[in-house]
Each structure stands twice: as C-alpha cells, then as structure tokens.
Amino acid sequence: MPAPVGGFVHAIDSYALGELVVHLGGGRAKQDDAIDPAVGLVLARKVGDAVRAGEPLAHVHRSHAAQPGTDASRVAAAFRIEPTPPKAAPLVLERRS
C-alpha cells in the first residue's frame, strides 16, 4: 500500500491495522469465525522512517479480491506522516529505587 505523501512516519495505528486483518478474515470478530491463514500484514515502514510518496507502507496478503482502494485507504489512514522527523523517545521512561 503506497504512501499518499512523503515525509517521516510519526505514528502507526496498530489497532486500525488489526481491524483490517480481522475484516479480511485473518482474525476472529466472533468466537466461531474461521481464520484464513493466507491473510496477513507486513509493515514496510516503522515509526521514524523516511518515506517518499508512492513508496510502500505495508504489504497486505489476502486470499480473496477486495474492493479496489479499500485496503490502501485503510492502511494509509493508519499511518501518520509528517514533513519533519519525529523526536526520539527516551529509552528509559522512569526509574524506581
């Protein structure tokens, strides 16, 4: 799924990507739902990565045809891309004695 704009990945909504996988059959919405082992998602970018417009953000694997653009728009909506690099998060958030 291509990036709609260039910049740097600031955040990824993993819940939205998980919902997409469930929608495609790779997870269960109800206990008795079948799981399609051919369905999956491979991220091509992570937070902090630079990306150019049109470069892949993720690769969606599915066993059935989807409506054109549906997967791409859901993947693109899960990525927040900004023009400047994100600030590095501290490795240690808190110390307890």
C-alpha atoms as a PDB file:
ATOM      1  CA  MET A   1       0.000   0.000   0.000  1.00  0.00           C
ATOM      2  CA  PRO A   2       1.677   3.222  -1.137  1.00  0.00           C
ATOM      3  CA  ALA A   3       2.294   6.298   0.992  1.00  0.00           C
ATOM      4  CA  PRO A   4      -0.017   9.157  -0.024  1.00  0.00           C
ATOM      5  CA  VAL A   5       2.636  11.802   0.791  1.00  0.00           C
ATOM      6  CA  GLY A   6       6.334  11.947   1.543  1.00  0.00           C
ATOM      7  CA  GLY A   7       7.828  12.676   4.949  1.00  0.00           C
ATOM      8  CA  PHE A   8       8.528  10.746   8.136  1.00  0.00           C
ATOM      9  CA  VAL A   9       6.357   8.189   9.897  1.00  0.00           C
ATOM     10  CA  HIS A  10       5.321   9.692  13.248  1.00  0.00           C
ATOM     11  CA  ALA A  11       2.753   7.128  14.392  1.00  0.00           C
ATOM     12  CA  ILE A  12       1.068   3.899  13.309  1.00  0.00           C
ATOM     13  CA  ASP A  13      -2.435   2.967  14.498  1.00  0.00           C
ATOM     14  CA  SER A  14      -1.882  -0.732  15.165  1.00  0.00           C
ATOM     15  CA  TYR A  15      -5.491  -1.203  16.287  1.00  0.00           C
ATOM     16  CA  ALA A  16      -6.775   0.015  12.899  1.00  0.00           C
ATOM     17  CA  LEU A  17      -4.374  -2.330  11.095  1.00  0.00           C
ATOM     18  CA  GLY A  18      -5.536  -5.214  13.298  1.00  0.00           C
ATOM     19  CA  GLU A  19      -9.150  -4.432  12.447  1.00  0.00           C
ATOM     20  CA  LEU A  20      -8.243  -4.551   8.749  1.00  0.00           C
ATOM     21  CA  VAL A  21      -6.720  -8.024   9.174  1.00  0.00           C
ATOM     22  CA  VAL A  22      -9.855  -9.218  11.007  1.00  0.00           C
ATOM     23  CA  HIS A  23     -12.036  -7.706   8.272  1.00  0.00           C
ATOM     24  CA  LEU A  24     -10.065  -9.637   5.636  1.00  0.00           C
ATOM     25  CA  GLY A  25     -10.522 -12.896   7.572  1.00  0.00           C
ATOM     26  CA  GLY A  26      -7.168 -13.151   9.342  1.00  0.00           C
ATOM     27  CA  GLY A  27      -8.714 -12.921  12.804  1.00  0.00           C
ATOM     28  CA  ARG A  28     -11.952 -13.519  14.624  1.00  0.00           C
ATOM     29  CA  ALA A  29     -14.667 -10.945  15.251  1.00  0.00           C
ATOM     30  CA  LYS A  30     -16.755 -13.666  16.954  1.00  0.00           C
ATOM     31  CA  GLN A  31     -15.607 -16.837  18.648  1.00  0.00           C
ATOM     32  CA  ASP A  32     -16.940 -19.134  15.916  1.00  0.00           C
ATOM     33  CA  ASP A  33     -15.422 -17.171  12.983  1.00  0.00           C
ATOM     34  CA  ALA A  34     -12.941 -19.085  10.841  1.00  0.00           C
ATOM     35  CA  ILE A  35      -9.400 -17.751  10.433  1.00  0.00           C
ATOM     36  CA  ASP A  36      -7.907 -17.598   6.951  1.00  0.00           C
ATOM     37  CA  PRO A  37      -4.180 -18.421   7.315  1.00  0.00           C
ATOM     38  CA  ALA A  38      -3.426 -16.714   3.972  1.00  0.00           C
ATOM     39  CA  VAL A  39      -4.362 -13.283   5.392  1.00  0.00           C
ATOM     40  CA  GLY A  40      -1.699 -11.081   6.937  1.00  0.00           C
ATOM     41  CA  LEU A  41       0.025  -7.737   7.016  1.00  0.00           C
ATOM     42  CA  VAL A  42       3.744  -6.966   6.713  1.00  0.00           C
ATOM     43  CA  LEU A  43       4.859  -3.442   7.636  1.00  0.00           C
ATOM     44  CA  ALA A  44       7.363  -1.887   5.250  1.00  0.00           C
ATOM     45  CA  ARG A  45       7.942   1.222   7.410  1.00  0.00           C
ATOM     46  CA  LYS A  46       8.194   1.857  11.142  1.00  0.00           C
ATOM     47  CA  VAL A  47       7.970   4.995  13.284  1.00  0.00           C
ATOM     48  CA  GLY A  48      10.848   7.322  12.446  1.00  0.00           C
ATOM     49  CA  ASP A  49      11.391   6.001   8.918  1.00  0.00           C
ATOM     50  CA  ALA A  50      11.543   8.388   5.985  1.00  0.00           C
ATOM     51  CA  VAL A  51       9.120   7.638   3.170  1.00  0.00           C
ATOM     52  CA  ARG A  52       8.519   9.133  -0.275  1.00  0.00           C
ATOM     53  CA  ALA A  53       5.076   9.436  -1.839  1.00  0.00           C
ATOM     54  CA  GLY A  54       4.243   6.170  -3.569  1.00  0.00           C
ATOM     55  CA  GLU A  55       6.654   4.024  -1.553  1.00  0.00           C
ATOM     56  CA  PRO A  56       5.074   1.061   0.266  1.00  0.00           C
ATOM     57  CA  LEU A  57       3.909   1.439   3.853  1.00  0.00           C
ATOM     58  CA  ALA A  58       2.728  -2.164   4.216  1.00  0.00           C
ATOM     59  CA  HIS A  59       2.020  -5.278   2.196  1.00  0.00           C
ATOM     60  CA  VAL A  60      -1.435  -6.818   2.651  1.00  0.00           C
ATOM     61  CA  HIS A  61      -1.835 -10.539   1.983  1.00  0.00           C
ATOM     62  CA  ARG A  62      -5.333 -11.865   1.330  1.00  0.00           C
ATOM     63  CA  SER A  63      -6.875 -14.880  -0.339  1.00  0.00           C
ATOM     64  CA  HIS A  64      -9.817 -13.083  -1.960  1.00  0.00           C
ATOM     65  CA  ALA A  65     -10.196  -9.980  -4.091  1.00  0.00           C
ATOM     66  CA  ALA A  66     -11.115  -6.809  -2.235  1.00  0.00           C
ATOM     67  CA  GLN A  67     -12.768  -3.663  -3.486  1.00  0.00           C
ATOM     68  CA  PRO A  68     -10.156  -1.525  -5.278  1.00  0.00           C
ATOM     69  CA  GLY A  69      -8.560   1.034  -2.985  1.00  0.00           C
ATOM     70  CA  THR A  70     -10.232  -0.231   0.188  1.00  0.00           C
ATOM     71  CA  ASP A  71      -7.130  -1.796   1.741  1.00  0.00           C
ATOM     72  CA  ALA A  72      -4.868   1.024   0.566  1.00  0.00           C
ATOM     73  CA  SER A  73      -7.017   3.748   2.096  1.00  0.00           C
ATOM     74  CA  ARG A  74      -7.298   1.886   5.424  1.00  0.00           C
ATOM     75  CA  VAL A  75      -3.541   1.302   5.600  1.00  0.00           C
ATOM     76  CA  ALA A  76      -2.764   4.921   4.642  1.00  0.00           C
ATOM     77  CA  ALA A  77      -5.194   6.176   7.302  1.00  0.00           C
ATOM     78  CA  ALA A  78      -3.349   4.146   9.961  1.00  0.00           C
ATOM     79  CA  PHE A  79      -0.021   5.901   9.249  1.00  0.00           C
ATOM     80  CA  ARG A  80       0.593   9.485  10.391  1.00  0.00           C
ATOM     81  CA  ILE A  81       3.207  11.026   8.108  1.00  0.00           C
ATOM     82  CA  GLU A  82       4.672  14.451   8.890  1.00  0.00           C
ATOM     83  CA  PRO A  83       7.222  16.542   6.937  1.00  0.00           C
ATOM     84  CA  THR A  84       9.828  16.600   9.752  1.00  0.00           C
ATOM     85  CA  PRO A  85      11.449  13.689  11.621  1.00  0.00           C
ATOM     86  CA  PRO A  86       9.871  12.727  14.954  1.00  0.00           C
ATOM     87  CA  LYS A  87      11.698  13.447  18.197  1.00  0.00           C
ATOM     88  CA  ALA A  88      13.450  10.405  19.591  1.00  0.00           C
ATOM     89  CA  ALA A  89      11.620   8.866  22.524  1.00  0.00           C
ATOM     90  CA  PRO A  90      13.693   8.294  25.664  1.00  0.00           C
ATOM     91  CA  LEU A  91      14.834   4.701  26.184  1.00  0.00           C
ATOM     92  CA  VAL A  92      14.119   4.859  29.925  1.00  0.00           C
ATOM     93  CA  LEU A  93      10.755   6.348  30.881  1.00  0.00           C
ATOM     94  CA  GLU A  94      11.005   6.019  34.630  1.00  0.00           C
ATOM     95  CA  ARG A  95      13.391   4.772  37.318  1.00  0.00           C
ATOM     96  CA  ARG A  96      12.287   3.317  40.606  1.00  0.00           C
ATOM     97  CA  SER A  97      14.556   2.950  43.556  1.00  0.00           C
END
